[in-house]
Amino acid sequence: MHFDLATDDPATADQRVLAAGGRRLRPTDDIPATGTPGSRVYASPAGHPFCIRPA
């Protein structure tokens, strides 16, 4: 299962993910597969992938 989460403040969400032990899986803000500028792929502390994108 893979979650795509939308937020009005991706920069704050990024900081919160990293502070909680998550990590970025892609260093880019543009994920070609979704075509959504500003999307980022992360892994949870347990290694489960998810995306955060602008709302």
PDB file of N, CA and C in Angstrom:
ATOM      1  N   MET A   1       0.850  -1.165   0.000  1.00  0.00           N
ATOM      2  CA  MET A   1       0.000   0.000   0.000  1.00  0.00           C
ATOM      3  C   MET A   1       0.898   1.232   0.000  1.00  0.00           C
ATOM      4  N   HIS A   2       0.468   2.250  -0.722  1.00  0.00           N
ATOM      5  CA  HIS A   2       1.225   3.493  -0.854  1.00  0.00           C
ATOM      6  C   HIS A   2       0.255   4.654  -0.663  1.00  0.00           C
ATOM      7  N   PHE A   3       0.608   5.581   0.205  1.00  0.00           N
ATOM      8  CA  PHE A   3      -0.246   6.737   0.465  1.00  0.00           C
ATOM      9  C   PHE A   3       0.286   7.961  -0.263  1.00  0.00           C
ATOM     10  N   ASP A   4      -0.613   8.774  -0.803  1.00  0.00           N
ATOM     11  CA  ASP A   4      -0.308  10.097  -1.337  1.00  0.00           C
ATOM     12  C   ASP A   4      -1.028  11.089  -0.440  1.00  0.00           C
ATOM     13  N   LEU A   5      -0.272  11.938   0.222  1.00  0.00           N
ATOM     14  CA  LEU A   5      -0.840  12.902   1.159  1.00  0.00           C
ATOM     15  C   LEU A   5      -0.732  14.303   0.575  1.00  0.00           C
ATOM     16  N   ALA A   6      -1.807  15.071   0.640  1.00  0.00           N
ATOM     17  CA  ALA A   6      -1.828  16.443   0.139  1.00  0.00           C
ATOM     18  C   ALA A   6      -1.810  17.408   1.315  1.00  0.00           C
ATOM     19  N   THR A   7      -1.063  18.501   1.157  1.00  0.00           N
ATOM     20  CA  THR A   7      -0.955  19.495   2.220  1.00  0.00           C
ATOM     21  C   THR A   7      -0.862  20.893   1.614  1.00  0.00           C
ATOM     22  N   ASP A   8      -1.306  21.879   2.379  1.00  0.00           N
ATOM     23  CA  ASP A   8      -1.169  23.271   1.959  1.00  0.00           C
ATOM     24  C   ASP A   8       0.233  23.801   2.233  1.00  0.00           C
ATOM     25  N   ASP A   9       1.025  23.068   3.010  1.00  0.00           N
ATOM     26  CA  ASP A   9       2.368  23.524   3.385  1.00  0.00           C
ATOM     27  C   ASP A   9       3.374  22.373   3.270  1.00  0.00           C
ATOM     28  N   PRO A  10       3.803  22.034   2.038  1.00  0.00           N
ATOM     29  CA  PRO A  10       4.735  20.922   1.853  1.00  0.00           C
ATOM     30  C   PRO A  10       6.067  21.099   2.585  1.00  0.00           C
ATOM     31  N   ALA A  11       6.544  22.331   2.717  1.00  0.00           N
ATOM     32  CA  ALA A  11       7.827  22.554   3.391  1.00  0.00           C
ATOM     33  C   ALA A  11       7.752  22.153   4.865  1.00  0.00           C
ATOM     34  N   THR A  12       6.665  22.513   5.534  1.00  0.00           N
ATOM     35  CA  THR A  12       6.491  22.126   6.933  1.00  0.00           C
ATOM     36  C   THR A  12       6.296  20.623   7.051  1.00  0.00           C
ATOM     37  N   ALA A  13       5.534  20.037   6.131  1.00  0.00           N
ATOM     38  CA  ALA A  13       5.335  18.585   6.146  1.00  0.00           C
ATOM     39  C   ALA A  13       6.671  17.868   5.978  1.00  0.00           C
ATOM     40  N   ASP A  14       7.526  18.378   5.092  1.00  0.00           N
ATOM     41  CA  ASP A  14       8.857  17.801   4.886  1.00  0.00           C
ATOM     42  C   ASP A  14       9.646  17.807   6.195  1.00  0.00           C
ATOM     43  N   GLN A  15       9.658  18.928   6.882  1.00  0.00           N
ATOM     44  CA  GLN A  15      10.379  19.039   8.153  1.00  0.00           C
ATOM     45  C   GLN A  15       9.824  18.069   9.190  1.00  0.00           C
ATOM     46  N   ARG A  16       8.520  17.930   9.233  1.00  0.00           N
ATOM     47  CA  ARG A  16       7.894  17.036  10.219  1.00  0.00           C
ATOM     48  C   ARG A  16       8.209  15.571   9.927  1.00  0.00           C
ATOM     49  N   VAL A  17       8.198  15.202   8.638  1.00  0.00           N
ATOM     50  CA  VAL A  17       8.541  13.821   8.263  1.00  0.00           C
ATOM     51  C   VAL A  17       9.969  13.504   8.692  1.00  0.00           C
ATOM     52  N   LEU A  18      10.902  14.393   8.374  1.00  0.00           N
ATOM     53  CA  LEU A  18      12.306  14.154   8.716  1.00  0.00           C
ATOM     54  C   LEU A  18      12.525  14.144  10.230  1.00  0.00           C
ATOM     55  N   ALA A  19      11.844  15.033  10.957  1.00  0.00           N
ATOM     56  CA  ALA A  19      11.975  15.076  12.417  1.00  0.00           C
ATOM     57  C   ALA A  19      11.423  13.813  13.071  1.00  0.00           C
ATOM     58  N   ALA A  20      10.442  13.183  12.426  1.00  0.00           N
ATOM     59  CA  ALA A  20       9.836  11.966  12.976  1.00  0.00           C
ATOM     60  C   ALA A  20      10.608  10.702  12.597  1.00  0.00           C
ATOM     61  N   GLY A  21      11.709  10.861  11.854  1.00  0.00           N
ATOM     62  CA  GLY A  21      12.529   9.699  11.502  1.00  0.00           C
ATOM     63  C   GLY A  21      12.339   9.189  10.091  1.00  0.00           C
ATOM     64  N   GLY A  22      11.502   9.876   9.302  1.00  0.00           N
ATOM     65  CA  GLY A  22      11.341   9.497   7.903  1.00  0.00           C
ATOM     66  C   GLY A  22      12.545   9.968   7.100  1.00  0.00           C
ATOM     67  N   ARG A  23      12.598   9.533   5.850  1.00  0.00           N
ATOM     68  CA  ARG A  23      13.688   9.979   4.976  1.00  0.00           C
ATOM     69  C   ARG A  23      13.165  10.143   3.557  1.00  0.00           C
ATOM     70  N   ARG A  24      13.823  11.028   2.824  1.00  0.00           N
ATOM     71  CA  ARG A  24      13.455  11.238   1.428  1.00  0.00           C
ATOM     72  C   ARG A  24      14.007  10.102   0.583  1.00  0.00           C
ATOM     73  N   LEU A  25      13.180   9.575  -0.302  1.00  0.00           N
ATOM     74  CA  LEU A  25      13.638   8.543  -1.226  1.00  0.00           C
ATOM     75  C   LEU A  25      14.060   9.142  -2.558  1.00  0.00           C
ATOM     76  N   ARG A  26      13.549  10.315  -2.867  1.00  0.00           N
ATOM     77  CA  ARG A  26      13.957  11.021  -4.084  1.00  0.00           C
ATOM     78  C   ARG A  26      14.308  12.444  -3.702  1.00  0.00           C
ATOM     79  N   PRO A  27      15.422  12.935  -4.192  1.00  0.00           N
ATOM     80  CA  PRO A  27      15.844  14.287  -3.828  1.00  0.00           C
ATOM     81  C   PRO A  27      15.163  15.378  -4.638  1.00  0.00           C
ATOM     82  N   THR A  28      14.194  15.017  -5.451  1.00  0.00           N
ATOM     83  CA  THR A  28      13.557  15.986  -6.333  1.00  0.00           C
ATOM     84  C   THR A  28      12.187  16.409  -5.819  1.00  0.00           C
ATOM     85  N   ASP A  29      11.741  17.559  -6.282  1.00  0.00           N
ATOM     86  CA  ASP A  29      10.400  18.043  -5.949  1.00  0.00           C
ATOM     87  C   ASP A  29       9.411  17.780  -7.070  1.00  0.00           C
ATOM     88  N   ASP A  30       9.832  17.077  -8.115  1.00  0.00           N
ATOM     89  CA  ASP A  30       8.946  16.813  -9.240  1.00  0.00           C
ATOM     90  C   ASP A  30       9.013  15.332  -9.576  1.00  0.00           C
ATOM     91  N   ILE A  31       7.950  14.615  -9.318  1.00  0.00           N
ATOM     92  CA  ILE A  31       7.920  13.174  -9.556  1.00  0.00           C
ATOM     93  C   ILE A  31       7.304  12.932 -10.934  1.00  0.00           C
ATOM     94  N   PRO A  32       8.105  12.501 -11.924  1.00  0.00           N
ATOM     95  CA  PRO A  32       7.587  12.324 -13.284  1.00  0.00           C
ATOM     96  C   PRO A  32       6.385  11.387 -13.368  1.00  0.00           C
ATOM     97  N   ALA A  33       6.332  10.354 -12.561  1.00  0.00           N
ATOM     98  CA  ALA A  33       5.236   9.383 -12.647  1.00  0.00           C
ATOM     99  C   ALA A  33       3.880  10.032 -12.367  1.00  0.00           C
ATOM    100  N   THR A  34       3.846  11.001 -11.476  1.00  0.00           N
ATOM    101  CA  THR A  34       2.577  11.651 -11.145  1.00  0.00           C
ATOM    102  C   THR A  34       2.382  12.929 -11.942  1.00  0.00           C
ATOM    103  N   GLY A  35       3.482  13.510 -12.402  1.00  0.00           N
ATOM    104  CA  GLY A  35       3.391  14.774 -13.105  1.00  0.00           C
ATOM    105  C   GLY A  35       2.987  15.920 -12.200  1.00  0.00           C
ATOM    106  N   THR A  36       3.090  15.725 -10.895  1.00  0.00           N
ATOM    107  CA  THR A  36       2.690  16.747  -9.935  1.00  0.00           C
ATOM    108  C   THR A  36       3.914  17.511  -9.446  1.00  0.00           C
ATOM    109  N   PRO A  37       4.098  18.759  -9.897  1.00  0.00           N
ATOM    110  CA  PRO A  37       5.226  19.539  -9.386  1.00  0.00           C
ATOM    111  C   PRO A  37       5.120  19.692  -7.876  1.00  0.00           C
ATOM    112  N   GLY A  38       6.222  19.556  -7.193  1.00  0.00           N
ATOM    113  CA  GLY A  38       6.242  19.705  -5.749  1.00  0.00           C
ATOM    114  C   GLY A  38       6.042  18.421  -4.978  1.00  0.00           C
ATOM    115  N   SER A  39       5.807  17.304  -5.667  1.00  0.00           N
ATOM    116  CA  SER A  39       5.634  16.018  -4.976  1.00  0.00           C
ATOM    117  C   SER A  39       6.984  15.464  -4.547  1.00  0.00           C
ATOM    118  N   ARG A  40       7.008  14.842  -3.393  1.00  0.00           N
ATOM    119  CA  ARG A  40       8.214  14.170  -2.899  1.00  0.00           C
ATOM    120  C   ARG A  40       7.857  12.788  -2.396  1.00  0.00           C
ATOM    121  N   VAL A  41       8.795  11.858  -2.583  1.00  0.00           N
ATOM    122  CA  VAL A  41       8.612  10.483  -2.117  1.00  0.00           C
ATOM    123  C   VAL A  41       9.458  10.294  -0.864  1.00  0.00           C
ATOM    124  N   TYR A  42       8.855   9.708   0.161  1.00  0.00           N
ATOM    125  CA  TYR A  42       9.509   9.476   1.446  1.00  0.00           C
ATOM    126  C   TYR A  42       9.382   8.013   1.840  1.00  0.00           C
ATOM    127  N   ALA A  43      10.145   7.637   2.849  1.00  0.00           N
ATOM    128  CA  ALA A  43       9.965   6.350   3.518  1.00  0.00           C
ATOM    129  C   ALA A  43       9.720   6.641   4.989  1.00  0.00           C
ATOM    130  N   SER A  44       8.789   5.918   5.571  1.00  0.00           N
ATOM    131  CA  SER A  44       8.538   6.036   7.008  1.00  0.00           C
ATOM    132  C   SER A  44       9.725   5.429   7.756  1.00  0.00           C
ATOM    133  N   PRO A  45       9.802   5.617   9.073  1.00  0.00           N
ATOM    134  CA  PRO A  45      10.886   4.982   9.832  1.00  0.00           C
ATOM    135  C   PRO A  45      10.920   3.459   9.650  1.00  0.00           C
ATOM    136  N   ALA A  46       9.765   2.857   9.343  1.00  0.00           N
ATOM    137  CA  ALA A  46       9.708   1.407   9.116  1.00  0.00           C
ATOM    138  C   ALA A  46      10.020   1.038   7.667  1.00  0.00           C
ATOM    139  N   GLY A  47      10.225   2.057   6.809  1.00  0.00           N
ATOM    140  CA  GLY A  47      10.589   1.804   5.424  1.00  0.00           C
ATOM    141  C   GLY A  47       9.447   1.808   4.428  1.00  0.00           C
ATOM    142  N   HIS A  48       8.231   2.158   4.857  1.00  0.00           N
ATOM    143  CA  HIS A  48       7.082   2.171   3.954  1.00  0.00           C
ATOM    144  C   HIS A  48       7.059   3.470   3.141  1.00  0.00           C
ATOM    145  N   PRO A  49       6.946   3.384   1.813  1.00  0.00           N
ATOM    146  CA  PRO A  49       6.969   4.591   0.986  1.00  0.00           C
ATOM    147  C   PRO A  49       5.638   5.342   1.010  1.00  0.00           C
ATOM    148  N   PHE A  50       5.729   6.661   0.855  1.00  0.00           N
ATOM    149  CA  PHE A  50       4.549   7.510   0.714  1.00  0.00           C
ATOM    150  C   PHE A  50       4.974   8.808   0.052  1.00  0.00           C
ATOM    151  N   CYS A  51       4.009   9.539  -0.488  1.00  0.00           N
ATOM    152  CA  CYS A  51       4.281  10.817  -1.144  1.00  0.00           C
ATOM    153  C   CYS A  51       3.588  11.948  -0.401  1.00  0.00           C
ATOM    154  N   ILE A  52       4.212  13.103  -0.450  1.00  0.00           N
ATOM    155  CA  ILE A  52       3.576  14.334   0.010  1.00  0.00           C
ATOM    156  C   ILE A  52       3.566  15.268  -1.185  1.00  0.00           C
ATOM    157  N   ARG A  53       2.384  15.850  -1.439  1.00  0.00           N
ATOM    158  CA  ARG A  53       2.242  16.749  -2.576  1.00  0.00           C
ATOM    159  C   ARG A  53       1.445  17.978  -2.156  1.00  0.00           C
ATOM    160  N   PRO A  54       1.587  19.053  -2.913  1.00  0.00           N
ATOM    161  CA  PRO A  54       0.791  20.239  -2.608  1.00  0.00           C
ATOM    162  C   PRO A  54      -0.696  19.960  -2.815  1.00  0.00           C
ATOM    163  N   ALA A  55      -1.518  20.583  -2.002  1.00  0.00           N
ATOM    164  CA  ALA A  55      -2.980  20.410  -2.127  1.00  0.00           C
ATOM    165  C   ALA A  55      -3.502  21.198  -3.307  1.00  0.00           C
TER     166      ALA A  55
END
